[in-house]
Amino acid sequence: MEDKMNLDQLCAEYGYRFAENVSVADGFNAKKAEVLITKALGVLQEQGLYAFALFCKSRSSGERAGAEEIEVLAKELLKKLNLINDGDLLEELRKDDGLLTKLDYLMLAIQVLEKSLIYARFHAKSMKESQGKG
């Protein structure tokens, strides 16, 4: 991780990207994006990072495109923080020296993803409101 990285700015950037990318995924709009982002956030908060990764992998066809966008951006964000390498997210988490074995880094990963998804939910909500008035 860079010495002087502004984590709140990074969360804001990724929050916007989560909302944008999920809302334009195949079959999605801002309302569906807000619902899926809220579900993903709930899983992360209640069940943890591994369950979050499983949630993204397990979505049915109606949510698959949006969940794939969430997974891609989550992986990109964790990689940017040097918390994981370039492999599959689930494999990166569960390998012997993976993120799940490093409690301090795991807590950082969860906090940064959580804040990013909270920002994403608000972005999607504001996008939904502006689409509704258009």
N, C-alpha and C. Protein backbone atom coordinates (compact mmCIF):
# COMPACT_ATOMS: atom_id res chain seq x y z
N MET A 1 0.85 -1.18 0.00
CA MET A 1 0.00 0.00 0.00
C MET A 1 0.89 1.24 0.00
N GLU A 2 0.51 2.24 -0.78
CA GLU A 2 1.27 3.48 -0.81
C GLU A 2 1.25 4.12 0.57
N ASP A 3 2.32 4.85 0.90
CA ASP A 3 2.44 5.44 2.23
C ASP A 3 1.35 6.47 2.52
N LYS A 4 1.01 7.28 1.53
CA LYS A 4 0.09 8.39 1.79
C LYS A 4 -1.21 8.26 1.00
N MET A 5 -1.72 7.06 0.88
CA MET A 5 -2.97 6.84 0.16
C MET A 5 -4.13 7.36 1.00
N ASN A 6 -4.99 8.15 0.39
CA ASN A 6 -6.18 8.65 1.05
C ASN A 6 -7.28 7.60 0.87
N LEU A 7 -7.54 6.84 1.93
CA LEU A 7 -8.49 5.74 1.82
C LEU A 7 -9.92 6.20 1.58
N ASP A 8 -10.31 7.34 2.15
CA ASP A 8 -11.67 7.82 1.92
C ASP A 8 -11.85 8.23 0.46
N GLN A 9 -10.85 8.86 -0.11
CA GLN A 9 -10.91 9.22 -1.52
C GLN A 9 -10.99 7.97 -2.39
N LEU A 10 -10.22 6.94 -2.02
CA LEU A 10 -10.24 5.68 -2.76
C LEU A 10 -11.63 5.03 -2.66
N CYS A 11 -12.23 5.05 -1.47
CA CYS A 11 -13.57 4.50 -1.28
C CYS A 11 -14.60 5.27 -2.10
N ALA A 12 -14.47 6.58 -2.15
CA ALA A 12 -15.39 7.39 -2.94
C ALA A 12 -15.26 7.06 -4.43
N GLU A 13 -14.03 6.93 -4.91
CA GLU A 13 -13.79 6.59 -6.31
C GLU A 13 -14.41 5.23 -6.65
N TYR A 14 -14.15 4.24 -5.79
CA TYR A 14 -14.68 2.91 -6.07
C TYR A 14 -16.18 2.83 -5.82
N GLY A 15 -16.68 3.59 -4.87
CA GLY A 15 -18.12 3.64 -4.67
C GLY A 15 -18.84 4.10 -5.92
N TYR A 16 -18.32 5.14 -6.53
CA TYR A 16 -18.89 5.65 -7.78
C TYR A 16 -18.79 4.59 -8.88
N ARG A 17 -17.63 3.96 -8.98
CA ARG A 17 -17.42 2.95 -10.03
C ARG A 17 -18.33 1.74 -9.82
N PHE A 18 -18.51 1.29 -8.56
CA PHE A 18 -19.44 0.19 -8.29
C PHE A 18 -20.83 0.57 -8.82
N ALA A 19 -21.33 1.73 -8.43
CA ALA A 19 -22.68 2.15 -8.83
C ALA A 19 -22.79 2.26 -10.35
N GLU A 20 -21.83 2.91 -10.98
CA GLU A 20 -21.86 3.09 -12.43
C GLU A 20 -21.81 1.74 -13.16
N ASN A 21 -20.85 0.91 -12.81
CA ASN A 21 -20.65 -0.35 -13.52
C ASN A 21 -21.81 -1.32 -13.32
N VAL A 22 -22.33 -1.39 -12.11
CA VAL A 22 -23.44 -2.31 -11.86
C VAL A 22 -24.71 -1.81 -12.55
N SER A 23 -24.94 -0.50 -12.53
CA SER A 23 -26.17 0.03 -13.12
C SER A 23 -26.22 -0.11 -14.63
N VAL A 24 -25.07 -0.26 -15.28
CA VAL A 24 -25.08 -0.44 -16.74
C VAL A 24 -24.80 -1.88 -17.15
N ALA A 25 -24.66 -2.77 -16.17
CA ALA A 25 -24.47 -4.19 -16.48
C ALA A 25 -25.70 -4.71 -17.21
N ASP A 26 -25.54 -5.79 -17.93
CA ASP A 26 -26.61 -6.36 -18.74
C ASP A 26 -27.87 -6.60 -17.91
N GLY A 27 -28.97 -5.96 -18.29
CA GLY A 27 -30.24 -6.15 -17.61
C GLY A 27 -30.40 -5.32 -16.34
N PHE A 28 -29.48 -4.39 -16.09
CA PHE A 28 -29.53 -3.61 -14.86
C PHE A 28 -29.89 -2.16 -15.14
N ASN A 29 -30.34 -1.49 -14.09
CA ASN A 29 -30.54 -0.05 -14.07
C ASN A 29 -30.17 0.41 -12.66
N ALA A 30 -30.32 1.67 -12.36
CA ALA A 30 -29.90 2.20 -11.06
C ALA A 30 -30.66 1.55 -9.90
N LYS A 31 -31.95 1.28 -10.10
CA LYS A 31 -32.75 0.67 -9.02
C LYS A 31 -32.26 -0.75 -8.72
N LYS A 32 -32.07 -1.56 -9.75
CA LYS A 32 -31.57 -2.92 -9.55
C LYS A 32 -30.16 -2.90 -8.97
N ALA A 33 -29.37 -1.92 -9.40
CA ALA A 33 -28.00 -1.80 -8.88
C ALA A 33 -28.05 -1.51 -7.38
N GLU A 34 -28.91 -0.60 -6.97
CA GLU A 34 -29.02 -0.27 -5.55
C GLU A 34 -29.40 -1.49 -4.72
N VAL A 35 -30.34 -2.30 -5.22
CA VAL A 35 -30.78 -3.49 -4.50
C VAL A 35 -29.63 -4.50 -4.38
N LEU A 36 -28.92 -4.76 -5.48
CA LEU A 36 -27.84 -5.75 -5.44
C LEU A 36 -26.68 -5.26 -4.58
N ILE A 37 -26.33 -4.00 -4.69
CA ILE A 37 -25.25 -3.44 -3.87
C ILE A 37 -25.62 -3.54 -2.39
N THR A 38 -26.86 -3.27 -2.06
CA THR A 38 -27.33 -3.38 -0.67
C THR A 38 -27.23 -4.81 -0.17
N LYS A 39 -27.61 -5.77 -1.01
CA LYS A 39 -27.49 -7.18 -0.62
C LYS A 39 -26.03 -7.56 -0.38
N ALA A 40 -25.15 -7.15 -1.31
CA ALA A 40 -23.72 -7.48 -1.19
C ALA A 40 -23.14 -6.85 0.07
N LEU A 41 -23.51 -5.62 0.35
CA LEU A 41 -23.05 -4.93 1.56
C LEU A 41 -23.52 -5.67 2.80
N GLY A 42 -24.76 -6.09 2.82
CA GLY A 42 -25.30 -6.83 3.96
C GLY A 42 -24.54 -8.12 4.22
N VAL A 43 -24.23 -8.84 3.16
CA VAL A 43 -23.48 -10.09 3.30
C VAL A 43 -22.09 -9.79 3.85
N LEU A 44 -21.44 -8.76 3.32
CA LEU A 44 -20.10 -8.39 3.80
C LEU A 44 -20.14 -8.03 5.28
N GLN A 45 -21.11 -7.22 5.69
CA GLN A 45 -21.21 -6.77 7.07
C GLN A 45 -21.58 -7.90 8.03
N GLU A 46 -22.49 -8.76 7.63
CA GLU A 46 -23.00 -9.78 8.54
C GLU A 46 -22.20 -11.08 8.52
N GLN A 47 -21.66 -11.43 7.36
CA GLN A 47 -21.03 -12.74 7.21
C GLN A 47 -19.54 -12.70 6.90
N GLY A 48 -19.03 -11.55 6.45
CA GLY A 48 -17.59 -11.43 6.21
C GLY A 48 -17.20 -11.44 4.75
N LEU A 49 -15.91 -11.29 4.53
CA LEU A 49 -15.36 -11.13 3.19
C LEU A 49 -15.49 -12.40 2.35
N TYR A 50 -15.26 -13.55 2.93
CA TYR A 50 -15.36 -14.79 2.17
C TYR A 50 -16.80 -15.03 1.71
N ALA A 51 -17.75 -14.80 2.60
CA ALA A 51 -19.17 -14.94 2.22
C ALA A 51 -19.54 -13.94 1.14
N PHE A 52 -18.99 -12.74 1.21
CA PHE A 52 -19.21 -11.72 0.18
C PHE A 52 -18.74 -12.24 -1.19
N ALA A 53 -17.54 -12.81 -1.23
CA ALA A 53 -17.01 -13.35 -2.48
C ALA A 53 -17.88 -14.49 -2.99
N LEU A 54 -18.33 -15.37 -2.09
CA LEU A 54 -19.24 -16.45 -2.48
C LEU A 54 -20.57 -15.90 -2.99
N PHE A 55 -21.08 -14.87 -2.34
CA PHE A 55 -22.32 -14.23 -2.77
C PHE A 55 -22.20 -13.76 -4.21
N CYS A 56 -21.10 -13.10 -4.52
CA CYS A 56 -20.89 -12.59 -5.89
C CYS A 56 -20.84 -13.73 -6.90
N LYS A 57 -20.21 -14.83 -6.53
CA LYS A 57 -20.09 -15.98 -7.43
C LYS A 57 -21.42 -16.74 -7.60
N SER A 58 -22.30 -16.66 -6.62
CA SER A 58 -23.47 -17.54 -6.60
C SER A 58 -24.75 -16.90 -7.13
N ARG A 59 -24.70 -15.70 -7.63
CA ARG A 59 -25.93 -15.05 -8.08
C ARG A 59 -26.52 -15.75 -9.29
N SER A 60 -27.84 -15.75 -9.34
CA SER A 60 -28.56 -16.36 -10.46
C SER A 60 -28.49 -15.45 -11.68
N SER A 61 -29.04 -15.89 -12.77
CA SER A 61 -28.90 -15.17 -14.03
C SER A 61 -29.41 -13.73 -13.96
N GLY A 62 -30.42 -13.46 -13.18
CA GLY A 62 -30.96 -12.11 -13.09
C GLY A 62 -30.02 -11.11 -12.43
N GLU A 63 -29.14 -11.59 -11.58
CA GLU A 63 -28.22 -10.71 -10.87
C GLU A 63 -26.76 -10.96 -11.25
N ARG A 64 -26.52 -11.95 -12.09
CA ARG A 64 -25.15 -12.38 -12.38
C ARG A 64 -24.27 -11.27 -12.94
N ALA A 65 -24.76 -10.53 -13.93
CA ALA A 65 -23.94 -9.49 -14.57
C ALA A 65 -23.53 -8.42 -13.55
N GLY A 66 -24.45 -8.00 -12.72
CA GLY A 66 -24.14 -7.00 -11.70
C GLY A 66 -23.18 -7.53 -10.65
N ALA A 67 -23.39 -8.77 -10.23
CA ALA A 67 -22.53 -9.39 -9.23
C ALA A 67 -21.11 -9.56 -9.77
N GLU A 68 -20.99 -9.87 -11.05
CA GLU A 68 -19.66 -9.98 -11.66
C GLU A 68 -18.94 -8.64 -11.62
N GLU A 69 -19.66 -7.56 -11.87
CA GLU A 69 -19.06 -6.22 -11.80
C GLU A 69 -18.59 -5.91 -10.38
N ILE A 70 -19.40 -6.28 -9.39
CA ILE A 70 -19.02 -6.06 -7.99
C ILE A 70 -17.75 -6.84 -7.67
N GLU A 71 -17.71 -8.09 -8.08
CA GLU A 71 -16.54 -8.93 -7.80
C GLU A 71 -15.28 -8.39 -8.48
N VAL A 72 -15.40 -7.98 -9.73
CA VAL A 72 -14.24 -7.45 -10.47
C VAL A 72 -13.70 -6.21 -9.78
N LEU A 73 -14.58 -5.29 -9.40
CA LEU A 73 -14.13 -4.06 -8.76
C LEU A 73 -13.61 -4.30 -7.35
N ALA A 74 -14.22 -5.23 -6.62
CA ALA A 74 -13.73 -5.55 -5.27
C ALA A 74 -12.32 -6.11 -5.37
N LYS A 75 -12.11 -7.00 -6.32
CA LYS A 75 -10.78 -7.58 -6.52
C LYS A 75 -9.78 -6.50 -6.91
N GLU A 76 -10.18 -5.62 -7.82
CA GLU A 76 -9.30 -4.52 -8.25
C GLU A 76 -8.93 -3.62 -7.07
N LEU A 77 -9.91 -3.31 -6.23
CA LEU A 77 -9.67 -2.46 -5.06
C LEU A 77 -8.70 -3.13 -4.08
N LEU A 78 -8.92 -4.40 -3.79
CA LEU A 78 -8.04 -5.12 -2.86
C LEU A 78 -6.63 -5.28 -3.44
N LYS A 79 -6.56 -5.43 -4.74
CA LYS A 79 -5.25 -5.53 -5.39
C LYS A 79 -4.53 -4.18 -5.33
N LYS A 80 -5.27 -3.10 -5.52
CA LYS A 80 -4.69 -1.76 -5.46
C LYS A 80 -4.09 -1.49 -4.07
N LEU A 81 -4.70 -2.07 -3.05
CA LEU A 81 -4.20 -1.93 -1.68
C LEU A 81 -3.10 -2.96 -1.35
N ASN A 82 -2.72 -3.75 -2.35
CA ASN A 82 -1.72 -4.81 -2.19
C ASN A 82 -2.12 -5.84 -1.14
N LEU A 83 -3.41 -6.12 -1.05
CA LEU A 83 -3.91 -7.11 -0.09
C LEU A 83 -4.09 -8.48 -0.73
N ILE A 84 -4.21 -8.51 -2.06
CA ILE A 84 -4.31 -9.78 -2.78
C ILE A 84 -3.48 -9.67 -4.05
N ASN A 85 -3.26 -10.83 -4.69
CA ASN A 85 -2.59 -10.87 -5.98
C ASN A 85 -3.62 -10.91 -7.09
N ASP A 86 -3.23 -11.40 -8.24
CA ASP A 86 -4.09 -11.30 -9.42
C ASP A 86 -4.95 -12.53 -9.69
N GLY A 87 -4.98 -13.50 -8.80
CA GLY A 87 -5.76 -14.71 -9.04
C GLY A 87 -7.25 -14.51 -8.79
N ASP A 88 -7.98 -15.60 -8.89
CA ASP A 88 -9.41 -15.61 -8.57
C ASP A 88 -9.61 -15.12 -7.13
N LEU A 89 -10.62 -14.30 -6.89
CA LEU A 89 -10.83 -13.70 -5.58
C LEU A 89 -10.97 -14.76 -4.48
N LEU A 90 -11.79 -15.76 -4.69
CA LEU A 90 -11.97 -16.80 -3.67
C LEU A 90 -10.66 -17.52 -3.39
N GLU A 91 -9.92 -17.85 -4.43
CA GLU A 91 -8.63 -18.53 -4.25
C GLU A 91 -7.64 -17.64 -3.50
N GLU A 92 -7.63 -16.35 -3.84
CA GLU A 92 -6.73 -15.41 -3.16
C GLU A 92 -7.06 -15.32 -1.66
N LEU A 93 -8.33 -15.40 -1.34
CA LEU A 93 -8.74 -15.32 0.07
C LEU A 93 -8.36 -16.57 0.84
N ARG A 94 -8.56 -17.74 0.23
CA ARG A 94 -8.42 -18.98 1.00
C ARG A 94 -7.06 -19.65 0.90
N LYS A 95 -6.14 -19.15 0.10
CA LYS A 95 -4.83 -19.82 0.02
C LYS A 95 -4.11 -19.74 1.36
N ASP A 96 -3.12 -20.60 1.55
CA ASP A 96 -2.44 -20.75 2.84
C ASP A 96 -1.93 -19.44 3.44
N ASP A 97 -1.36 -18.57 2.61
CA ASP A 97 -0.88 -17.28 3.13
C ASP A 97 -1.76 -16.14 2.63
N GLY A 98 -3.03 -16.44 2.35
CA GLY A 98 -3.96 -15.47 1.79
C GLY A 98 -4.47 -14.46 2.80
N LEU A 99 -5.30 -13.59 2.29
CA LEU A 99 -5.84 -12.48 3.09
C LEU A 99 -6.57 -12.96 4.35
N LEU A 100 -7.24 -14.10 4.29
CA LEU A 100 -7.98 -14.60 5.45
C LEU A 100 -7.07 -14.99 6.61
N THR A 101 -5.78 -15.15 6.35
CA THR A 101 -4.83 -15.52 7.40
C THR A 101 -4.18 -14.31 8.07
N LYS A 102 -4.47 -13.11 7.58
CA LYS A 102 -3.82 -11.89 8.09
C LYS A 102 -4.89 -10.95 8.64
N LEU A 103 -5.14 -11.06 9.93
CA LEU A 103 -6.28 -10.39 10.55
C LEU A 103 -6.29 -8.88 10.33
N ASP A 104 -5.16 -8.19 10.53
CA ASP A 104 -5.13 -6.74 10.36
C ASP A 104 -5.48 -6.33 8.93
N TYR A 105 -4.91 -7.04 7.97
CA TYR A 105 -5.19 -6.74 6.57
C TYR A 105 -6.62 -7.11 6.20
N LEU A 106 -7.12 -8.19 6.78
CA LEU A 106 -8.50 -8.60 6.54
C LEU A 106 -9.47 -7.53 7.03
N MET A 107 -9.21 -6.99 8.22
CA MET A 107 -10.08 -5.93 8.76
C MET A 107 -10.03 -4.68 7.88
N LEU A 108 -8.83 -4.33 7.40
CA LEU A 108 -8.70 -3.19 6.49
C LEU A 108 -9.50 -3.45 5.21
N ALA A 109 -9.37 -4.64 4.65
CA ALA A 109 -10.09 -4.98 3.42
C ALA A 109 -11.60 -4.85 3.61
N ILE A 110 -12.10 -5.37 4.72
CA ILE A 110 -13.54 -5.30 4.99
C ILE A 110 -13.99 -3.86 5.16
N GLN A 111 -13.23 -3.07 5.90
CA GLN A 111 -13.61 -1.66 6.12
C GLN A 111 -13.62 -0.86 4.83
N VAL A 112 -12.62 -1.06 4.00
CA VAL A 112 -12.54 -0.31 2.74
C VAL A 112 -13.66 -0.74 1.79
N LEU A 113 -13.89 -2.04 1.67
CA LEU A 113 -14.99 -2.52 0.83
C LEU A 113 -16.34 -2.06 1.35
N GLU A 114 -16.51 -2.12 2.66
CA GLU A 114 -17.77 -1.70 3.26
C GLU A 114 -18.06 -0.22 2.95
N LYS A 115 -17.07 0.63 3.18
CA LYS A 115 -17.28 2.06 2.92
C LYS A 115 -17.53 2.31 1.43
N SER A 116 -16.80 1.61 0.57
CA SER A 116 -17.00 1.76 -0.87
C SER A 116 -18.41 1.36 -1.28
N LEU A 117 -18.91 0.25 -0.72
CA LEU A 117 -20.26 -0.20 -1.06
C LEU A 117 -21.33 0.71 -0.47
N ILE A 118 -21.07 1.30 0.68
CA ILE A 118 -22.01 2.29 1.24
C ILE A 118 -22.09 3.49 0.30
N TYR A 119 -20.94 3.98 -0.13
CA TYR A 119 -20.92 5.08 -1.09
C TYR A 119 -21.62 4.68 -2.39
N ALA A 120 -21.40 3.45 -2.83
CA ALA A 120 -22.02 2.95 -4.06
C ALA A 120 -23.53 2.94 -3.94
N ARG A 121 -24.01 2.53 -2.79
CA ARG A 121 -25.47 2.50 -2.57
C ARG A 121 -26.06 3.91 -2.69
N PHE A 122 -25.39 4.88 -2.08
CA PHE A 122 -25.87 6.26 -2.18
C PHE A 122 -25.77 6.79 -3.61
N HIS A 123 -24.69 6.45 -4.31
CA HIS A 123 -24.57 6.85 -5.72
C HIS A 123 -25.71 6.26 -6.54
N ALA A 124 -25.98 4.96 -6.36
CA ALA A 124 -27.05 4.31 -7.11
C ALA A 124 -28.40 4.94 -6.78
N LYS A 125 -28.60 5.27 -5.51
CA LYS A 125 -29.86 5.90 -5.10
C LYS A 125 -30.02 7.26 -5.77
N SER A 126 -28.95 8.04 -5.82
CA SER A 126 -29.05 9.35 -6.47
C SER A 126 -29.23 9.20 -7.98
N MET A 127 -28.63 8.18 -8.57
CA MET A 127 -28.82 7.92 -10.00
C MET A 127 -30.28 7.52 -10.26
N LYS A 128 -30.83 6.72 -9.36
CA LYS A 128 -32.22 6.27 -9.49
C LYS A 128 -33.15 7.48 -9.41
N GLU A 129 -32.87 8.38 -8.46
CA GLU A 129 -33.70 9.58 -8.31
C GLU A 129 -33.64 10.46 -9.55
N SER A 130 -32.45 10.63 -10.11
CA SER A 130 -32.34 11.48 -11.31
C SER A 130 -32.97 10.81 -12.52
N GLN A 131 -32.91 9.48 -12.61
CA GLN A 131 -33.57 8.78 -13.71
C GLN A 131 -35.09 8.89 -13.59
N GLY A 132 -35.57 8.85 -12.34
CA GLY A 132 -37.01 8.95 -12.12
C GLY A 132 -37.58 10.30 -12.47
N LYS A 133 -36.76 11.35 -12.41
CA LYS A 133 -37.22 12.71 -12.72
C LYS A 133 -37.02 13.06 -14.18
N GLY A 134 -36.31 12.15 -14.93
CA GLY A 134 -35.97 12.45 -16.32
C GLY A 134 -37.06 12.22 -17.28
